[in-house]
Amino acid sequence: MELTLLGTGCPQCDPDRLGPASLVRHAGRSLLVDCGSGVTQRLVAAGTPGRDIDALLLTHLHSDHLVDLYQLVVSSWHQGRDRPLRVLGPRGTRRFVEGTMALWKPELDQRIAHELRPSIQALTVEVAEIAPGTVWQESGLEVRAVAVDHRPVADAFGFVFAAGRHRLVISGDTARCPALIEAARGADVLVHECFIHREMKPDPRVRTEAGTRNVASYHTLSGEVGKIATEAGIGCLVLNHFVPTRFDRDALLDEVRRDFAGPIVIGEDLMRLDIPARRLSHRDGVIGLVFAR
C-alpha cells in the first residue's frame, strides 16, 4: 500500500501547498481522497493521471476539498478515460455532483460535438452517498469510513485503508475525535490534519480573533495531534492539511514530539510513503523509517 500526498494545503492559495488531496495505491488500484485545487496537475506529477483513478472518496463537502471535481472529470476524459468516475461521499454529494455537471452541460455538449473523441463514458459520474462502515472492497483493499467531528459540518468522514496486515488512516477534517482515535488504534500510519494556532495572527484585513477561534474549534490543534497519535498507538504520524500553509517547521516538530515518540513526518506535496517497505520519498530524497510499533 502506497500513499502520496498530492496537496497538503487549505483554502489559502499557496504554490507550494495545493488543495487537499491524497492518493492511495494498492495492487493496481488507485483511490483519490478529496480533489482540492490543483489535484489534476499533482496526479500527473505523481504518475497516476485522473484517467487511472478507480474512485474518488470525499471526506466532506467543503469547497477546498472538492473544488476541482469538474476539472478532474474533463482532464480524465482528455487523457483517454473510457469509464465513468465513481464518487463516494457524504450526504449531499449527489446534489453537488449533479449540480456541477448541469452547470457545465452546455460546455460539455459543445466539446462532445467538436472534439469527436471515441468515448464519452468518462463524462458520467456515478455517485454513492456513504455512511460509516465499509465503502470499498476490491483487490485485497478494504476502505472504511469513520464519522469525525467537523461540526458545524453535519457529515464528515475519515477513512481507514486496510490491506493484509497494513493499515493507513486519513483523518479528514476534524476536531479531536474519539471514534477516529479508536479506528486508528495500532495502525501503521495516521495522516492527520494540523491547525497551527500560534501562526494564525489576527489581521484586520483578512481575519478576526473570534473568527480564528471558530475555525480552530473544528480542526485539530498542533498541540493536540501528538497526543492523539500516542493514544492511538500508531506507528508513524504524517501531518497534513496545514492551516496556515506557511509555518516554522522546526517549532511544529518540537511541539508534536513532546507528545509522540514515534516518527513524525511534516507532509509536503508529492511526498510518497511506501507503507510495507517503510520508505519515505520526496524529490530526490529517500528515508527508511522505523515505525513505533
Protein backbone atom coordinates (compact mmCIF):
# COMPACT_ATOMS: atom_id res chain seq x y z
CA MET A 1 0.00 0.00 0.00
CA GLU A 2 1.39 3.38 -1.00
CA LEU A 3 0.33 6.90 -0.01
CA THR A 4 1.11 10.06 -1.97
CA LEU A 5 0.26 13.46 -0.54
CA LEU A 6 -0.92 15.41 -3.56
CA GLY A 7 -1.99 18.61 -1.80
CA THR A 8 -1.22 19.50 1.82
CA GLY A 9 -2.75 22.96 1.87
CA CYS A 10 -6.06 24.57 2.78
CA PRO A 11 -8.26 27.34 1.29
CA GLN A 12 -5.26 29.67 1.26
CA CYS A 13 -3.59 29.95 -2.16
CA ASP A 14 -0.02 28.68 -1.91
CA PRO A 15 2.02 27.44 -4.89
CA ASP A 16 3.91 25.02 -2.64
CA ARG A 17 0.88 23.53 -0.89
CA LEU A 18 -2.06 22.94 -3.20
CA GLY A 19 -5.58 21.98 -2.18
CA PRO A 20 -6.27 18.91 -0.02
CA ALA A 21 -5.90 15.61 -1.86
CA SER A 22 -4.22 12.25 -1.25
CA LEU A 23 -3.65 9.22 -3.44
CA VAL A 24 -3.69 5.63 -2.13
CA ARG A 25 -2.44 2.86 -4.42
CA HIS A 26 -2.58 -0.88 -3.81
CA ALA A 27 -2.50 -3.92 -6.10
CA GLY A 28 -3.16 -1.90 -9.22
CA ARG A 29 -5.98 0.13 -7.70
CA SER A 30 -5.78 3.92 -7.31
CA LEU A 31 -8.08 5.75 -4.91
CA LEU A 32 -8.16 9.53 -4.66
CA VAL A 33 -9.17 11.13 -1.36
CA ASP A 34 -10.57 14.63 -1.97
CA CYS A 35 -9.92 16.78 -5.04
CA GLY A 36 -8.75 20.20 -3.93
CA SER A 37 -7.34 22.90 -6.17
CA GLY A 38 -4.59 21.66 -8.48
CA VAL A 39 -5.24 17.97 -7.95
CA THR A 40 -5.15 17.07 -11.65
CA GLN A 41 -1.68 18.52 -12.09
CA ARG A 42 -0.45 16.77 -8.94
CA LEU A 43 -1.88 13.45 -10.16
CA VAL A 44 0.10 13.73 -13.39
CA ALA A 45 3.25 14.59 -11.44
CA ALA A 46 2.65 11.55 -9.20
CA GLY A 47 2.45 9.25 -12.22
CA THR A 48 -1.24 8.43 -11.85
CA PRO A 49 -3.33 10.76 -14.04
CA GLY A 50 -7.04 11.12 -13.44
CA ARG A 51 -7.65 8.62 -16.26
CA ASP A 52 -6.44 5.85 -13.92
CA ILE A 53 -8.40 6.72 -10.77
CA ASP A 54 -10.74 3.91 -9.66
CA ALA A 55 -12.75 6.02 -7.23
CA LEU A 56 -12.83 9.44 -5.62
CA LEU A 57 -13.58 9.45 -1.87
CA LEU A 58 -14.77 12.75 -0.40
CA THR A 59 -14.22 13.42 3.29
CA HIS A 60 -16.77 16.24 3.34
CA LEU A 61 -18.25 18.94 1.16
CA HIS A 62 -16.14 21.98 1.99
CA SER A 63 -15.02 23.74 -1.17
CA ASP A 64 -11.28 23.30 -0.61
CA HIS A 65 -11.77 19.51 -0.69
CA LEU A 66 -13.77 19.27 -3.93
CA VAL A 67 -13.34 22.44 -5.97
CA ASP A 68 -11.55 20.65 -8.83
CA LEU A 69 -14.12 17.90 -9.38
CA TYR A 70 -15.13 19.16 -12.82
CA GLN A 71 -11.52 19.64 -13.84
CA LEU A 72 -10.86 16.02 -12.78
CA VAL A 73 -13.72 14.78 -14.97
CA VAL A 74 -12.73 16.76 -18.06
CA SER A 75 -8.99 16.23 -17.81
CA SER A 76 -9.51 12.48 -17.32
CA TRP A 77 -11.60 12.41 -20.49
CA HIS A 78 -8.85 14.25 -22.36
CA GLN A 79 -6.38 11.66 -21.07
CA GLY A 80 -8.41 8.87 -22.68
CA ARG A 81 -10.52 7.63 -19.81
CA ASP A 82 -13.25 5.30 -21.09
CA ARG A 83 -15.30 4.61 -17.94
CA PRO A 84 -17.43 6.63 -15.52
CA LEU A 85 -15.89 8.21 -12.44
CA ARG A 86 -17.07 6.67 -9.17
CA VAL A 87 -17.52 9.20 -6.37
CA LEU A 88 -18.14 8.11 -2.78
CA GLY A 89 -19.04 10.89 -0.39
CA PRO A 90 -21.31 12.07 2.42
CA ARG A 91 -24.94 13.04 2.20
CA GLY A 92 -25.30 15.90 -0.27
CA THR A 93 -22.65 14.59 -2.67
CA ARG A 94 -25.19 13.58 -5.32
CA ARG A 95 -26.80 17.02 -5.33
CA PHE A 96 -23.40 18.69 -5.59
CA VAL A 97 -22.22 16.46 -8.44
CA GLU A 98 -25.46 16.71 -10.40
CA GLY A 99 -25.49 20.49 -9.97
CA THR A 100 -21.89 20.82 -11.07
CA MET A 101 -22.38 18.70 -14.18
CA ALA A 102 -25.62 20.51 -15.06
CA LEU A 103 -23.87 23.87 -14.76
CA TRP A 104 -21.21 22.79 -17.25
CA LYS A 105 -23.51 20.86 -19.60
CA PRO A 106 -23.54 23.50 -22.40
CA GLU A 107 -19.75 23.49 -22.45
CA LEU A 108 -19.61 19.70 -22.39
CA ASP A 109 -22.14 19.39 -25.20
CA GLN A 110 -20.00 21.70 -27.32
CA ARG A 111 -16.83 19.74 -26.55
CA ILE A 112 -18.50 16.43 -27.36
CA ALA A 113 -19.78 17.73 -30.69
CA HIS A 114 -16.48 19.26 -31.82
CA GLU A 115 -13.79 17.07 -30.28
CA LEU A 116 -15.23 13.78 -31.62
CA ARG A 117 -13.46 11.63 -29.04
CA PRO A 118 -14.04 7.86 -29.18
CA SER A 119 -15.95 7.66 -25.87
CA ILE A 120 -17.91 9.94 -23.57
CA GLN A 121 -18.14 7.42 -20.71
CA ALA A 122 -15.63 9.48 -18.70
CA LEU A 123 -18.15 12.34 -18.56
CA THR A 124 -20.52 10.21 -16.48
CA VAL A 125 -20.16 10.45 -12.69
CA GLU A 126 -21.58 7.61 -10.58
CA VAL A 127 -22.29 8.75 -7.02
CA ALA A 128 -22.77 6.68 -3.89
CA GLU A 129 -23.59 8.53 -0.69
CA ILE A 130 -21.87 6.71 2.16
CA ALA A 131 -22.36 6.05 5.86
CA PRO A 132 -19.88 4.83 8.48
CA GLY A 133 -18.61 1.34 7.67
CA THR A 134 -17.05 -0.39 4.67
CA VAL A 135 -17.38 1.68 1.48
CA TRP A 136 -14.89 -0.13 -0.81
CA GLN A 137 -13.60 -3.70 -1.00
CA GLU A 138 -11.63 -4.77 -4.07
CA SER A 139 -8.23 -6.31 -4.89
CA GLY A 140 -7.48 -7.07 -1.26
CA LEU A 141 -8.06 -3.46 -0.20
CA GLU A 142 -10.85 -2.51 2.21
CA VAL A 143 -11.81 1.09 2.94
CA ARG A 144 -13.92 2.01 5.95
CA ALA A 145 -15.48 5.41 6.56
CA VAL A 146 -15.39 6.79 10.11
CA ALA A 147 -17.64 9.67 11.17
CA VAL A 148 -15.49 12.52 12.51
CA ASP A 149 -16.28 15.76 14.34
CA HIS A 150 -16.13 18.70 11.95
CA ARG A 151 -19.21 20.48 13.31
CA PRO A 152 -20.99 22.60 12.17
CA VAL A 153 -20.42 20.39 9.07
CA ALA A 154 -23.02 17.69 9.62
CA ASP A 155 -21.43 14.85 7.64
CA ALA A 156 -17.67 14.39 7.60
CA PHE A 157 -15.52 11.27 7.39
CA GLY A 158 -12.05 9.95 7.91
CA PHE A 159 -11.01 6.80 6.05
CA VAL A 160 -9.25 3.59 7.12
CA PHE A 161 -7.42 1.69 4.37
CA ALA A 162 -6.61 -1.94 5.21
CA ALA A 163 -4.70 -4.47 3.11
CA GLY A 164 -3.34 -7.63 4.73
CA ARG A 165 -1.65 -6.63 7.96
CA HIS A 166 -1.18 -2.98 6.97
CA ARG A 167 -3.47 -0.09 7.85
CA LEU A 168 -3.44 3.56 6.82
CA VAL A 169 -5.79 6.11 8.37
CA ILE A 170 -6.59 9.54 6.89
CA SER A 171 -8.30 11.83 9.39
CA GLY A 172 -10.13 14.20 7.08
CA ASP A 173 -11.05 17.49 8.76
CA THR A 174 -11.88 17.01 12.42
CA ALA A 175 -11.54 18.23 15.95
CA ARG A 176 -10.19 15.68 18.43
CA CYS A 177 -12.44 12.68 17.77
CA PRO A 178 -12.60 9.53 19.97
CA ALA A 179 -14.11 7.50 17.11
CA LEU A 180 -11.17 8.32 14.86
CA ILE A 181 -8.66 7.50 17.60
CA GLU A 182 -10.30 4.12 18.10
CA ALA A 183 -10.36 3.44 14.35
CA ALA A 184 -6.65 4.32 14.12
CA ARG A 185 -5.60 2.20 17.08
CA GLY A 186 -2.48 0.23 16.14
CA ALA A 187 -2.42 1.50 12.53
CA ASP A 188 0.86 1.69 10.64
CA VAL A 189 0.30 5.30 9.56
CA LEU A 190 -2.02 8.09 10.65
CA VAL A 191 -2.30 11.07 8.29
CA HIS A 192 -3.75 13.85 10.41
CA GLU A 193 -4.74 17.44 9.75
CA CYS A 194 -2.91 20.14 11.70
CA PHE A 195 -4.10 23.62 12.73
CA ILE A 196 -1.12 25.68 13.91
CA HIS A 197 -2.92 28.19 16.10
CA ARG A 198 0.13 30.26 17.12
CA GLU A 199 0.80 31.07 13.46
CA MET A 200 -2.70 32.49 12.91
CA LYS A 201 -2.22 36.11 13.91
CA PRO A 202 -5.26 38.41 13.82
CA ASP A 203 -5.22 40.62 10.75
CA PRO A 204 -7.97 43.23 10.32
CA ARG A 205 -7.78 42.81 6.53
CA VAL A 206 -8.50 39.05 6.50
CA ARG A 207 -9.33 37.54 9.90
CA THR A 208 -10.53 38.43 13.39
CA GLU A 209 -9.54 36.71 16.60
CA ALA A 210 -13.09 35.43 17.07
CA GLY A 211 -13.19 34.03 13.55
CA THR A 212 -9.88 32.26 14.07
CA ARG A 213 -11.24 30.67 17.25
CA ASN A 214 -14.30 29.46 15.35
CA VAL A 215 -12.19 27.80 12.66
CA ALA A 216 -9.83 26.30 15.23
CA SER A 217 -12.77 24.74 17.07
CA TYR A 218 -13.47 22.21 14.29
CA HIS A 219 -9.86 21.39 13.47
CA THR A 220 -7.13 19.64 15.46
CA LEU A 221 -4.60 21.97 17.05
CA SER A 222 -0.90 21.26 16.60
CA GLY A 223 -0.62 20.88 20.38
CA GLU A 224 -3.15 18.02 20.34
CA VAL A 225 -2.15 15.91 17.37
CA GLY A 226 0.82 14.23 19.08
CA LYS A 227 -1.38 13.22 21.99
CA ILE A 228 -3.86 11.68 19.54
CA ALA A 229 -1.10 9.67 17.86
CA THR A 230 0.15 8.35 21.20
CA GLU A 231 -3.33 7.44 22.40
CA ALA A 232 -3.99 5.55 19.16
CA GLY A 233 -0.66 3.72 19.37
CA ILE A 234 0.15 4.27 15.70
CA GLY A 235 3.46 3.52 14.00
CA CYS A 236 4.06 6.79 12.13
CA LEU A 237 2.37 10.20 12.18
CA VAL A 238 2.11 12.21 8.96
CA LEU A 239 0.97 15.80 9.40
CA ASN A 240 -1.18 17.18 6.60
CA HIS A 241 -3.72 19.87 5.60
CA PHE A 242 -1.84 22.69 7.30
CA VAL A 243 -3.55 25.86 8.45
CA PRO A 244 -1.81 28.17 7.75
CA THR A 245 0.31 26.84 4.88
CA ARG A 246 3.45 28.74 5.93
CA PHE A 247 4.86 27.97 9.38
CA ASP A 248 8.02 27.21 11.37
CA ARG A 249 8.65 23.52 10.66
CA ASP A 250 11.19 23.11 13.47
CA ALA A 251 8.82 24.61 16.02
CA LEU A 252 5.99 22.37 14.85
CA LEU A 253 8.15 19.25 15.02
CA ASP A 254 9.34 20.11 18.54
CA GLU A 255 5.76 20.71 19.65
CA VAL A 256 4.43 17.39 18.36
CA ARG A 257 7.50 15.47 19.57
CA ARG A 258 6.67 16.37 23.16
CA ASP A 259 3.64 14.09 22.93
CA PHE A 260 4.58 11.42 20.38
CA ALA A 261 7.82 9.43 20.44
CA GLY A 262 7.45 7.74 17.03
CA PRO A 263 8.41 9.09 13.60
CA ILE A 264 6.75 12.36 12.67
CA VAL A 265 6.55 13.46 9.04
CA ILE A 266 5.74 17.04 8.17
CA GLY A 267 3.93 16.40 4.92
CA GLU A 268 4.85 18.09 1.66
CA ASP A 269 3.09 17.98 -1.71
CA LEU A 270 4.11 14.90 -3.73
CA MET A 271 5.70 13.18 -0.74
CA ARG A 272 5.30 9.41 -1.11
CA LEU A 273 5.22 6.73 1.59
CA ASP A 274 5.51 3.02 0.79
CA ILE A 275 3.96 1.57 3.92
CA PRO A 276 5.12 -2.10 3.76
CA ALA A 277 8.66 -1.00 2.84
CA ARG A 278 8.57 1.87 5.38
CA ARG A 279 10.19 4.06 2.76
CA LEU A 280 9.51 7.79 2.52
CA SER A 281 10.49 9.64 -0.64
CA HIS A 282 10.29 13.26 -1.70
CA ARG A 283 12.01 14.81 -4.70
CA ASP A 284 15.46 13.18 -4.76
CA GLY A 285 15.47 12.11 -1.11
CA VAL A 286 14.61 8.68 0.28
CA ILE A 287 14.35 7.90 4.01
CA GLY A 288 13.91 4.50 5.68
CA LEU A 289 11.54 4.77 8.64
CA VAL A 290 11.36 2.66 11.80
CA PHE A 291 7.75 2.70 12.95
CA ALA A 292 6.93 2.99 16.63
CA ARG A 293 5.07 -0.30 16.61
